[in-house]
Amino acid sequence: ALAWTLTNIFHSAASFFIFHWTKGTPFPHFNTKKDNLTVWEQIDNEKQYTPTKKVFTAIPIVLFIITIHKNEYGLTEFIWNVIALCVVLFPKSPAFHRVRLFGINAD
C-alpha cells in the first residue's frame, strides 16, 4: 500500500518539475518567444483542452484512483495522495495558464 502512495507522490513531483517548472526549449540556441513558458504551456501552441493535454491530465487522475483503491481508502494515505494530485492538477488548469504563484519561477 505504501508503495502505491510513494509511486503517486514521485510521479506527481517528477511531472510537476518536468511540465510546470521547466521553462524554455531543450535546445538553448533557439531563442524564441516561448523561452519564458513552461513545457505545459508550450504543448499544442498554448491551446487548451487538446487531446494531448487531456491524456496528460487523465494519467495522474487514474494513478490517484488506483492508488487510493490499493490503499483500501486509508485516511492518511488518502490525504497524501490528494495533495499529490492537486500539485499536478491545479497547474494544468486553464486558470493557471502563464500564472506564477507568488512570483515563484517568474524569471
PDB file of N, CA and C in Angstrom:
ATOM      1  N   ALA A   1       0.833  -1.195   0.000  1.00  0.00           N
ATOM      2  CA  ALA A   1       0.000   0.000   0.000  1.00  0.00           C
ATOM      3  C   ALA A   1       0.877   1.257   0.000  1.00  0.00           C
ATOM      4  N   LEU A   2       1.906   1.248   0.798  1.00  0.00           N
ATOM      5  CA  LEU A   2       2.801   2.397   0.855  1.00  0.00           C
ATOM      6  C   LEU A   2       3.514   2.606  -0.481  1.00  0.00           C
ATOM      7  N   ALA A   3       3.794   1.517  -1.177  1.00  0.00           N
ATOM      8  CA  ALA A   3       4.482   1.617  -2.464  1.00  0.00           C
ATOM      9  C   ALA A   3       3.645   2.400  -3.473  1.00  0.00           C
ATOM     10  N   TRP A   4       2.333   2.202  -3.467  1.00  0.00           N
ATOM     11  CA  TRP A   4       1.480   2.944  -4.401  1.00  0.00           C
ATOM     12  C   TRP A   4       1.466   4.432  -4.063  1.00  0.00           C
ATOM     13  N   THR A   5       1.409   4.753  -2.784  1.00  0.00           N
ATOM     14  CA  THR A   5       1.432   6.162  -2.380  1.00  0.00           C
ATOM     15  C   THR A   5       2.750   6.810  -2.776  1.00  0.00           C
ATOM     16  N   LEU A   6       3.849   6.127  -2.536  1.00  0.00           N
ATOM     17  CA  LEU A   6       5.151   6.673  -2.916  1.00  0.00           C
ATOM     18  C   LEU A   6       5.281   6.810  -4.428  1.00  0.00           C
ATOM     19  N   THR A   7       4.728   5.862  -5.169  1.00  0.00           N
ATOM     20  CA  THR A   7       4.734   5.953  -6.629  1.00  0.00           C
ATOM     21  C   THR A   7       3.954   7.175  -7.089  1.00  0.00           C
ATOM     22  N   ASN A   8       2.793   7.380  -6.499  1.00  0.00           N
ATOM     23  CA  ASN A   8       1.968   8.535  -6.865  1.00  0.00           C
ATOM     24  C   ASN A   8       2.669   9.845  -6.527  1.00  0.00           C
ATOM     25  N   ILE A   9       3.264   9.920  -5.353  1.00  0.00           N
ATOM     26  CA  ILE A   9       3.958  11.151  -4.944  1.00  0.00           C
ATOM     27  C   ILE A   9       5.168  11.408  -5.846  1.00  0.00           C
ATOM     28  N   PHE A  10       5.935  10.367  -6.133  1.00  0.00           N
ATOM     29  CA  PHE A  10       7.093  10.528  -7.016  1.00  0.00           C
ATOM     30  C   PHE A  10       6.664  10.950  -8.418  1.00  0.00           C
ATOM     31  N   HIS A  11       5.618  10.326  -8.936  1.00  0.00           N
ATOM     32  CA  HIS A  11       5.112  10.693 -10.267  1.00  0.00           C
ATOM     33  C   HIS A  11       4.653  12.149 -10.279  1.00  0.00           C
ATOM     34  N   SER A  12       3.943  12.558  -9.242  1.00  0.00           N
ATOM     35  CA  SER A  12       3.458  13.943  -9.176  1.00  0.00           C
ATOM     36  C   SER A  12       4.614  14.931  -9.105  1.00  0.00           C
ATOM     37  N   ALA A  13       5.603  14.640  -8.283  1.00  0.00           N
ATOM     38  CA  ALA A  13       6.754  15.541  -8.156  1.00  0.00           C
ATOM     39  C   ALA A  13       7.527  15.619  -9.460  1.00  0.00           C
ATOM     40  N   ALA A  14       7.754  14.474 -10.097  1.00  0.00           N
ATOM     41  CA  ALA A  14       8.511  14.457 -11.353  1.00  0.00           C
ATOM     42  C   ALA A  14       7.752  15.163 -12.466  1.00  0.00           C
ATOM     43  N   SER A  15       6.461  14.890 -12.590  1.00  0.00           N
ATOM     44  CA  SER A  15       5.705  15.532 -13.668  1.00  0.00           C
ATOM     45  C   SER A  15       5.521  17.028 -13.403  1.00  0.00           C
ATOM     46  N   PHE A  16       5.415  17.425 -12.121  1.00  0.00           N
ATOM     47  CA  PHE A  16       5.342  18.862 -11.828  1.00  0.00           C
ATOM     48  C   PHE A  16       6.625  19.551 -12.283  1.00  0.00           C
ATOM     49  N   PHE A  17       7.751  18.947 -11.941  1.00  0.00           N
ATOM     50  CA  PHE A  17       9.018  19.552 -12.328  1.00  0.00           C
ATOM     51  C   PHE A  17       9.164  19.607 -13.850  1.00  0.00           C
ATOM     52  N   ILE A  18       8.858  18.522 -14.517  1.00  0.00           N
ATOM     53  CA  ILE A  18       9.039  18.462 -15.971  1.00  0.00           C
ATOM     54  C   ILE A  18       8.066  19.371 -16.707  1.00  0.00           C
ATOM     55  N   PHE A  19       6.792  19.321 -16.351  1.00  0.00           N
ATOM     56  CA  PHE A  19       5.777  20.065 -17.107  1.00  0.00           C
ATOM     57  C   PHE A  19       5.562  21.493 -16.630  1.00  0.00           C
ATOM     58  N   HIS A  20       5.620  21.727 -15.330  1.00  0.00           N
ATOM     59  CA  HIS A  20       5.181  23.015 -14.793  1.00  0.00           C
ATOM     60  C   HIS A  20       6.281  23.871 -14.187  1.00  0.00           C
ATOM     61  N   TRP A  21       7.490  23.368 -14.124  1.00  0.00           N
ATOM     62  CA  TRP A  21       8.595  24.150 -13.577  1.00  0.00           C
ATOM     63  C   TRP A  21       9.620  24.484 -14.652  1.00  0.00           C
ATOM     64  N   THR A  22       9.932  23.505 -15.490  1.00  0.00           N
ATOM     65  CA  THR A  22      10.939  23.680 -16.525  1.00  0.00           C
ATOM     66  C   THR A  22      10.423  24.635 -17.599  1.00  0.00           C
ATOM     67  N   LYS A  23      11.247  25.609 -17.925  1.00  0.00           N
ATOM     68  CA  LYS A  23      10.863  26.602 -18.942  1.00  0.00           C
ATOM     69  C   LYS A  23      11.766  26.497 -20.155  1.00  0.00           C
ATOM     70  N   GLY A  24      11.277  27.033 -21.273  1.00  0.00           N
ATOM     71  CA  GLY A  24      12.086  27.105 -22.474  1.00  0.00           C
ATOM     72  C   GLY A  24      12.086  25.819 -23.261  1.00  0.00           C
ATOM     73  N   THR A  25      12.992  25.757 -24.203  1.00  0.00           N
ATOM     74  CA  THR A  25      13.124  24.582 -25.050  1.00  0.00           C
ATOM     75  C   THR A  25      14.332  23.765 -24.601  1.00  0.00           C
ATOM     76  N   PRO A  26      14.391  22.513 -25.003  1.00  0.00           N
ATOM     77  CA  PRO A  26      15.554  21.716 -24.616  1.00  0.00           C
ATOM     78  C   PRO A  26      16.814  22.104 -25.380  1.00  0.00           C
ATOM     79  N   PHE A  27      16.667  22.953 -26.371  1.00  0.00           N
ATOM     80  CA  PHE A  27      17.799  23.376 -27.178  1.00  0.00           C
ATOM     81  C   PHE A  27      18.068  24.852 -26.925  1.00  0.00           C
ATOM     82  N   PRO A  28      19.093  25.178 -26.144  1.00  0.00           N
ATOM     83  CA  PRO A  28      19.300  26.558 -25.707  1.00  0.00           C
ATOM     84  C   PRO A  28      19.626  27.538 -26.833  1.00  0.00           C
ATOM     85  N   HIS A  29      20.050  27.068 -27.979  1.00  0.00           N
ATOM     86  CA  HIS A  29      20.404  28.000 -29.041  1.00  0.00           C
ATOM     87  C   HIS A  29      19.178  28.555 -29.755  1.00  0.00           C
ATOM     88  N   PHE A  30      18.000  27.994 -29.509  1.00  0.00           N
ATOM     89  CA  PHE A  30      16.779  28.544 -30.086  1.00  0.00           C
ATOM     90  C   PHE A  30      16.235  29.599 -29.131  1.00  0.00           C
ATOM     91  N   ASN A  31      16.298  30.834 -29.515  1.00  0.00           N
ATOM     92  CA  ASN A  31      15.779  31.912 -28.684  1.00  0.00           C
ATOM     93  C   ASN A  31      14.436  32.325 -29.259  1.00  0.00           C
ATOM     94  N   THR A  32      13.389  31.868 -28.637  1.00  0.00           N
ATOM     95  CA  THR A  32      12.053  32.134 -29.151  1.00  0.00           C
ATOM     96  C   THR A  32      11.219  32.852 -28.110  1.00  0.00           C
ATOM     97  N   LYS A  33      10.028  33.224 -28.507  1.00  0.00           N
ATOM     98  CA  LYS A  33       9.115  33.882 -27.578  1.00  0.00           C
ATOM     99  C   LYS A  33       8.608  32.919 -26.502  1.00  0.00           C
ATOM    100  N   LYS A  34       8.872  31.629 -26.690  1.00  0.00           N
ATOM    101  CA  LYS A  34       8.404  30.632 -25.733  1.00  0.00           C
ATOM    102  C   LYS A  34       9.426  30.309 -24.648  1.00  0.00           C
ATOM    103  N   ASP A  35      10.533  31.025 -24.616  1.00  0.00           N
ATOM    104  CA  ASP A  35      11.560  30.737 -23.621  1.00  0.00           C
ATOM    105  C   ASP A  35      11.079  30.941 -22.188  1.00  0.00           C
ATOM    106  N   ASN A  36      10.072  31.785 -21.990  1.00  0.00           N
ATOM    107  CA  ASN A  36       9.557  32.035 -20.644  1.00  0.00           C
ATOM    108  C   ASN A  36       8.326  31.207 -20.323  1.00  0.00           C
ATOM    109  N   LEU A  37       7.977  30.271 -21.210  1.00  0.00           N
ATOM    110  CA  LEU A  37       6.821  29.418 -20.974  1.00  0.00           C
ATOM    111  C   LEU A  37       7.278  28.058 -20.440  1.00  0.00           C
ATOM    112  N   THR A  38       6.445  27.475 -19.593  1.00  0.00           N
ATOM    113  CA  THR A  38       6.739  26.131 -19.121  1.00  0.00           C
ATOM    114  C   THR A  38       6.454  25.142 -20.242  1.00  0.00           C
ATOM    115  N   VAL A  39       6.904  23.923 -20.046  1.00  0.00           N
ATOM    116  CA  VAL A  39       6.670  22.888 -21.057  1.00  0.00           C
ATOM    117  C   VAL A  39       5.171  22.687 -21.258  1.00  0.00           C
ATOM    118  N   TRP A  40       4.403  22.690 -20.174  1.00  0.00           N
ATOM    119  CA  TRP A  40       2.949  22.516 -20.285  1.00  0.00           C
ATOM    120  C   TRP A  40       2.333  23.636 -21.125  1.00  0.00           C
ATOM    121  N   GLU A  41       2.782  24.841 -20.930  1.00  0.00           N
ATOM    122  CA  GLU A  41       2.221  25.970 -21.681  1.00  0.00           C
ATOM    123  C   GLU A  41       2.596  25.920 -23.152  1.00  0.00           C
ATOM    124  N   GLN A  42       3.685  25.261 -23.479  1.00  0.00           N
ATOM    125  CA  GLN A  42       4.119  25.171 -24.868  1.00  0.00           C
ATOM    126  C   GLN A  42       3.431  24.055 -25.640  1.00  0.00           C
ATOM    127  N   ILE A  43       2.868  23.080 -24.940  1.00  0.00           N
ATOM    128  CA  ILE A  43       2.241  21.942 -25.620  1.00  0.00           C
ATOM    129  C   ILE A  43       1.081  22.445 -26.480  1.00  0.00           C
ATOM    130  N   ASP A  44       1.042  22.010 -27.709  1.00  0.00           N
ATOM    131  CA  ASP A  44      -0.034  22.333 -28.657  1.00  0.00           C
ATOM    132  C   ASP A  44      -0.225  23.834 -28.838  1.00  0.00           C
ATOM    133  N   ASN A  45       0.886  24.565 -28.878  1.00  0.00           N
ATOM    134  CA  ASN A  45       0.849  26.020 -29.116  1.00  0.00           C
ATOM    135  C   ASN A  45      -0.102  26.759 -28.181  1.00  0.00           C
ATOM    136  N   GLU A  46      -0.074  26.397 -26.925  1.00  0.00           N
ATOM    137  CA  GLU A  46      -0.818  27.054 -25.853  1.00  0.00           C
ATOM    138  C   GLU A  46      -2.328  26.862 -25.931  1.00  0.00           C
ATOM    139  N   LYS A  47      -2.808  25.973 -26.770  1.00  0.00           N
ATOM    140  CA  LYS A  47      -4.254  25.708 -26.837  1.00  0.00           C
ATOM    141  C   LYS A  47      -4.661  24.845 -25.655  1.00  0.00           C
ATOM    142  N   GLN A  48      -5.887  25.061 -25.190  1.00  0.00           N
ATOM    143  CA  GLN A  48      -6.399  24.312 -24.051  1.00  0.00           C
ATOM    144  C   GLN A  48      -7.287  23.167 -24.527  1.00  0.00           C
ATOM    145  N   TYR A  49      -7.416  22.154 -23.705  1.00  0.00           N
ATOM    146  CA  TYR A  49      -8.314  21.023 -23.918  1.00  0.00           C
ATOM    147  C   TYR A  49      -8.032  20.260 -25.210  1.00  0.00           C
ATOM    148  N   THR A  50      -6.797  20.136 -25.575  1.00  0.00           N
ATOM    149  CA  THR A  50      -6.430  19.328 -26.735  1.00  0.00           C
ATOM    150  C   THR A  50      -6.327  17.863 -26.286  1.00  0.00           C
ATOM    151  N   PRO A  51      -6.373  16.920 -27.217  1.00  0.00           N
ATOM    152  CA  PRO A  51      -6.264  15.507 -26.830  1.00  0.00           C
ATOM    153  C   PRO A  51      -4.973  15.207 -26.049  1.00  0.00           C
ATOM    154  N   THR A  52      -3.878  15.825 -26.436  1.00  0.00           N
ATOM    155  CA  THR A  52      -2.619  15.595 -25.726  1.00  0.00           C
ATOM    156  C   THR A  52      -2.728  16.034 -24.270  1.00  0.00           C
ATOM    157  N   LYS A  53      -3.271  17.216 -24.046  1.00  0.00           N
ATOM    158  CA  LYS A  53      -3.391  17.724 -22.676  1.00  0.00           C
ATOM    159  C   LYS A  53      -4.407  16.916 -21.867  1.00  0.00           C
ATOM    160  N   LYS A  54      -5.429  16.408 -22.533  1.00  0.00           N
ATOM    161  CA  LYS A  54      -6.414  15.584 -21.825  1.00  0.00           C
ATOM    162  C   LYS A  54      -5.780  14.286 -21.332  1.00  0.00           C
ATOM    163  N   VAL A  55      -4.928  13.682 -22.149  1.00  0.00           N
ATOM    164  CA  VAL A  55      -4.247  12.451 -21.737  1.00  0.00           C
ATOM    165  C   VAL A  55      -3.309  12.731 -20.570  1.00  0.00           C
ATOM    166  N   PHE A  56      -2.521  13.809 -20.676  1.00  0.00           N
ATOM    167  CA  PHE A  56      -1.598  14.141 -19.593  1.00  0.00           C
ATOM    168  C   PHE A  56      -2.332  14.539 -18.317  1.00  0.00           C
ATOM    169  N   THR A  57      -3.571  14.978 -18.421  1.00  0.00           N
ATOM    170  CA  THR A  57      -4.380  15.287 -17.242  1.00  0.00           C
ATOM    171  C   THR A  57      -4.998  14.012 -16.671  1.00  0.00           C
ATOM    172  N   ALA A  58      -5.369  13.087 -17.540  1.00  0.00           N
ATOM    173  CA  ALA A  58      -6.016  11.855 -17.086  1.00  0.00           C
ATOM    174  C   ALA A  58      -5.048  10.919 -16.365  1.00  0.00           C
ATOM    175  N   ILE A  59      -3.793  10.925 -16.756  1.00  0.00           N
ATOM    176  CA  ILE A  59      -2.823   9.983 -16.166  1.00  0.00           C
ATOM    177  C   ILE A  59      -2.721  10.136 -14.650  1.00  0.00           C
ATOM    178  N   PRO A  60      -2.521  11.350 -14.095  1.00  0.00           N
ATOM    179  CA  PRO A  60      -2.452  11.426 -12.625  1.00  0.00           C
ATOM    180  C   PRO A  60      -3.781  11.100 -11.946  1.00  0.00           C
ATOM    181  N   ILE A  61      -4.895  11.355 -12.622  1.00  0.00           N
ATOM    182  CA  ILE A  61      -6.193  11.029 -12.030  1.00  0.00           C
ATOM    183  C   ILE A  61      -6.368   9.512 -11.932  1.00  0.00           C
ATOM    184  N   VAL A  62      -6.028   8.805 -12.998  1.00  0.00           N
ATOM    185  CA  VAL A  62      -6.119   7.343 -12.984  1.00  0.00           C
ATOM    186  C   VAL A  62      -5.162   6.759 -11.947  1.00  0.00           C
ATOM    187  N   LEU A  63      -3.951   7.282 -11.898  1.00  0.00           N
ATOM    188  CA  LEU A  63      -2.990   6.816 -10.898  1.00  0.00           C
ATOM    189  C   LEU A  63      -3.511   7.057  -9.486  1.00  0.00           C
ATOM    190  N   PHE A  64      -4.148   8.195  -9.252  1.00  0.00           N
ATOM    191  CA  PHE A  64      -4.742   8.502  -7.952  1.00  0.00           C
ATOM    192  C   PHE A  64      -5.832   7.490  -7.601  1.00  0.00           C
ATOM    193  N   ILE A  65      -6.711   7.199  -8.547  1.00  0.00           N
ATOM    194  CA  ILE A  65      -7.799   6.251  -8.285  1.00  0.00           C
ATOM    195  C   ILE A  65      -7.253   4.868  -7.969  1.00  0.00           C
ATOM    196  N   ILE A  66      -6.288   4.423  -8.739  1.00  0.00           N
ATOM    197  CA  ILE A  66      -5.670   3.111  -8.474  1.00  0.00           C
ATOM    198  C   ILE A  66      -5.014   3.107  -7.101  1.00  0.00           C
ATOM    199  N   THR A  67      -4.313   4.184  -6.780  1.00  0.00           N
ATOM    200  CA  THR A  67      -3.587   4.254  -5.508  1.00  0.00           C
ATOM    201  C   THR A  67      -4.523   4.213  -4.315  1.00  0.00           C
ATOM    202  N   ILE A  68      -5.587   5.008  -4.331  1.00  0.00           N
ATOM    203  CA  ILE A  68      -6.473   5.007  -3.160  1.00  0.00           C
ATOM    204  C   ILE A  68      -7.213   3.676  -3.043  1.00  0.00           C
ATOM    205  N   HIS A  69      -7.487   3.046  -4.186  1.00  0.00           N
ATOM    206  CA  HIS A  69      -8.128   1.730  -4.121  1.00  0.00           C
ATOM    207  C   HIS A  69      -7.183   0.689  -3.520  1.00  0.00           C
ATOM    208  N   LYS A  70      -5.938   0.679  -3.966  1.00  0.00           N
ATOM    209  CA  LYS A  70      -4.962  -0.289  -3.449  1.00  0.00           C
ATOM    210  C   LYS A  70      -4.623  -0.020  -1.985  1.00  0.00           C
ATOM    211  N   ASN A  71      -4.760   1.223  -1.548  1.00  0.00           N
ATOM    212  CA  ASN A  71      -4.510   1.569  -0.139  1.00  0.00           C
ATOM    213  C   ASN A  71      -5.734   1.328   0.727  1.00  0.00           C
ATOM    214  N   GLU A  72      -6.778   0.781   0.133  1.00  0.00           N
ATOM    215  CA  GLU A  72      -8.011   0.462   0.851  1.00  0.00           C
ATOM    216  C   GLU A  72      -8.607   1.683   1.545  1.00  0.00           C
ATOM    217  N   TYR A  73      -8.458   2.838   0.910  1.00  0.00           N
ATOM    218  CA  TYR A  73      -9.089   4.089   1.336  1.00  0.00           C
ATOM    219  C   TYR A  73      -8.693   4.525   2.740  1.00  0.00           C
ATOM    220  N   GLY A  74      -7.449   4.257   3.126  1.00  0.00           N
ATOM    221  CA  GLY A  74      -6.944   4.717   4.418  1.00  0.00           C
ATOM    222  C   GLY A  74      -6.816   6.241   4.423  1.00  0.00           C
ATOM    223  N   LEU A  75      -7.168   6.866   5.531  1.00  0.00           N
ATOM    224  CA  LEU A  75      -7.233   8.326   5.600  1.00  0.00           C
ATOM    225  C   LEU A  75      -5.879   8.995   5.390  1.00  0.00           C
ATOM    226  N   THR A  76      -4.844   8.506   6.059  1.00  0.00           N
ATOM    227  CA  THR A  76      -3.525   9.133   5.937  1.00  0.00           C
ATOM    228  C   THR A  76      -3.014   9.066   4.506  1.00  0.00           C
ATOM    229  N   GLU A  77      -3.098   7.885   3.903  1.00  0.00           N
ATOM    230  CA  GLU A  77      -2.654   7.735   2.518  1.00  0.00           C
ATOM    231  C   GLU A  77      -3.508   8.565   1.576  1.00  0.00           C
ATOM    232  N   PHE A  78      -4.810   8.624   1.868  1.00  0.00           N
ATOM    233  CA  PHE A  78      -5.721   9.405   1.035  1.00  0.00           C
ATOM    234  C   PHE A  78      -5.319  10.878   1.018  1.00  0.00           C
ATOM    235  N   ILE A  79      -5.016  11.420   2.180  1.00  0.00           N
ATOM    236  CA  ILE A  79      -4.628  12.837   2.268  1.00  0.00           C
ATOM    237  C   ILE A  79      -3.358  13.097   1.473  1.00  0.00           C
ATOM    238  N   TRP A  80      -2.338  12.230   1.643  1.00  0.00           N
ATOM    239  CA  TRP A  80      -1.094  12.419   0.893  1.00  0.00           C
ATOM    240  C   TRP A  80      -1.325  12.323  -0.610  1.00  0.00           C
ATOM    241  N   ASN A  81      -2.194  11.412  -1.024  1.00  0.00           N
ATOM    242  CA  ASN A  81      -2.465  11.244  -2.449  1.00  0.00           C
ATOM    243  C   ASN A  81      -3.287  12.400  -3.021  1.00  0.00           C
ATOM    244  N   VAL A  82      -4.187  12.951  -2.223  1.00  0.00           N
ATOM    245  CA  VAL A  82      -4.951  14.127  -2.682  1.00  0.00           C
ATOM    246  C   VAL A  82      -4.007  15.312  -2.868  1.00  0.00           C
ATOM    247  N   ILE A  83      -3.095  15.496  -1.937  1.00  0.00           N
ATOM    248  CA  ILE A  83      -2.118  16.588  -2.066  1.00  0.00           C
ATOM    249  C   ILE A  83      -1.287  16.401  -3.333  1.00  0.00           C
ATOM    250  N   ALA A  84      -0.821  15.179  -3.557  1.00  0.00           N
ATOM    251  CA  ALA A  84      -0.025  14.900  -4.755  1.00  0.00           C
ATOM    252  C   ALA A  84      -0.844  15.157  -6.021  1.00  0.00           C
ATOM    253  N   LEU A  85      -2.112  14.787  -6.005  1.00  0.00           N
ATOM    254  CA  LEU A  85      -2.973  15.021  -7.168  1.00  0.00           C
ATOM    255  C   LEU A  85      -3.172  16.515  -7.410  1.00  0.00           C
ATOM    256  N   CYS A  86      -3.414  17.261  -6.362  1.00  0.00           N
ATOM    257  CA  CYS A  86      -3.627  18.709  -6.506  1.00  0.00           C
ATOM    258  C   CYS A  86      -2.384  19.418  -7.035  1.00  0.00           C
ATOM    259  N   VAL A  87      -1.214  18.941  -6.611  1.00  0.00           N
ATOM    260  CA  VAL A  87       0.037  19.556  -7.056  1.00  0.00           C
ATOM    261  C   VAL A  87       0.174  19.484  -8.575  1.00  0.00           C
ATOM    262  N   VAL A  88      -0.333  18.433  -9.191  1.00  0.00           N
ATOM    263  CA  VAL A  88      -0.215  18.323 -10.650  1.00  0.00           C
ATOM    264  C   VAL A  88      -1.464  18.759 -11.391  1.00  0.00           C
ATOM    265  N   LEU A  89      -2.627  18.746 -10.763  1.00  0.00           N
ATOM    266  CA  LEU A  89      -3.830  19.139 -11.499  1.00  0.00           C
ATOM    267  C   LEU A  89      -4.048  20.645 -11.547  1.00  0.00           C
ATOM    268  N   PHE A  90      -3.810  21.346 -10.460  1.00  0.00           N
ATOM    269  CA  PHE A  90      -4.040  22.789 -10.470  1.00  0.00           C
ATOM    270  C   PHE A  90      -3.226  23.517 -11.533  1.00  0.00           C
ATOM    271  N   PRO A  91      -1.939  23.235 -11.683  1.00  0.00           N
ATOM    272  CA  PRO A  91      -1.184  23.939 -12.733  1.00  0.00           C
ATOM    273  C   PRO A  91      -1.655  23.613 -14.151  1.00  0.00           C
ATOM    274  N   LYS A  92      -2.347  22.499 -14.330  1.00  0.00           N
ATOM    275  CA  LYS A  92      -2.842  22.139 -15.654  1.00  0.00           C
ATOM    276  C   LYS A  92      -4.113  22.905 -16.012  1.00  0.00           C
ATOM    277  N   SER A  93      -4.742  23.503 -15.036  1.00  0.00           N
ATOM    278  CA  SER A  93      -5.984  24.232 -15.256  1.00  0.00           C
ATOM    279  C   SER A  93      -5.747  25.469 -16.121  1.00  0.00           C
ATOM    280  N   PRO A  94      -6.673  25.769 -17.039  1.00  0.00           N
ATOM    281  CA  PRO A  94      -6.523  26.985 -17.855  1.00  0.00           C
ATOM    282  C   PRO A  94      -6.448  28.261 -17.011  1.00  0.00           C
ATOM    283  N   ALA A  95      -7.001  28.238 -15.808  1.00  0.00           N
ATOM    284  CA  ALA A  95      -6.940  29.413 -14.940  1.00  0.00           C
ATOM    285  C   ALA A  95      -5.504  29.734 -14.525  1.00  0.00           C
ATOM    286  N   PHE A  96      -4.612  28.756 -14.587  1.00  0.00           N
ATOM    287  CA  PHE A  96      -3.218  28.957 -14.204  1.00  0.00           C
ATOM    288  C   PHE A  96      -2.292  29.121 -15.405  1.00  0.00           C
ATOM    289  N   HIS A  97      -2.853  29.291 -16.591  1.00  0.00           N
ATOM    290  CA  HIS A  97      -2.020  29.464 -17.779  1.00  0.00           C
ATOM    291  C   HIS A  97      -1.236  30.765 -17.683  1.00  0.00           C
ATOM    292  N   ARG A  98       0.082  30.668 -17.752  1.00  0.00           N
ATOM    293  CA  ARG A  98       1.012  31.807 -17.625  1.00  0.00           C
ATOM    294  C   ARG A  98       0.969  32.475 -16.254  1.00  0.00           C
ATOM    295  N   VAL A  99       0.444  31.806 -15.262  1.00  0.00           N
ATOM    296  CA  VAL A  99       0.375  32.355 -13.903  1.00  0.00           C
ATOM    297  C   VAL A  99       1.526  31.777 -13.095  1.00  0.00           C
ATOM    298  N   ARG A 100       2.226  32.647 -12.371  1.00  0.00           N
ATOM    299  CA  ARG A 100       3.306  32.231 -11.469  1.00  0.00           C
ATOM    300  C   ARG A 100       2.886  32.650 -10.061  1.00  0.00           C
ATOM    301  N   LEU A 101       2.549  31.669  -9.221  1.00  0.00           N
ATOM    302  CA  LEU A 101       2.079  31.989  -7.872  1.00  0.00           C
ATOM    303  C   LEU A 101       3.196  32.630  -7.064  1.00  0.00           C
ATOM    304  N   PHE A 102       2.877  33.748  -6.448  1.00  0.00           N
ATOM    305  CA  PHE A 102       3.784  34.478  -5.571  1.00  0.00           C
ATOM    306  C   PHE A 102       5.084  34.859  -6.277  1.00  0.00           C
ATOM    307  N   GLY A 103       5.092  34.887  -7.595  1.00  0.00           N
ATOM    308  CA  GLY A 103       6.294  35.244  -8.344  1.00  0.00           C
ATOM    309  C   GLY A 103       7.340  34.144  -8.408  1.00  0.00           C
ATOM    310  N   ILE A 104       7.000  32.953  -7.916  1.00  0.00           N
ATOM    311  CA  ILE A 104       7.954  31.837  -7.941  1.00  0.00           C
ATOM    312  C   ILE A 104       8.136  31.370  -9.371  1.00  0.00           C
ATOM    313  N   ASN A 105       9.367  31.194  -9.794  1.00  0.00           N
ATOM    314  CA  ASN A 105       9.719  30.754 -11.144  1.00  0.00           C
ATOM    315  C   ASN A 105       9.270  31.783 -12.188  1.00  0.00           C
ATOM    316  N   ALA A 106       9.305  33.054 -11.835  1.00  0.00           N
ATOM    317  CA  ALA A 106       8.779  34.095 -12.723  1.00  0.00           C
ATOM    318  C   ALA A 106       9.812  34.673 -13.695  1.00  0.00           C
ATOM    319  N   ASP A 107      11.068  34.410 -13.495  1.00  0.00           N
ATOM    320  CA  ASP A 107      12.146  34.962 -14.358  1.00  0.00           C
ATOM    321  C   ASP A 107      11.716  36.250 -14.975  1.00  0.00           C
TER     322      ASP A 107
END
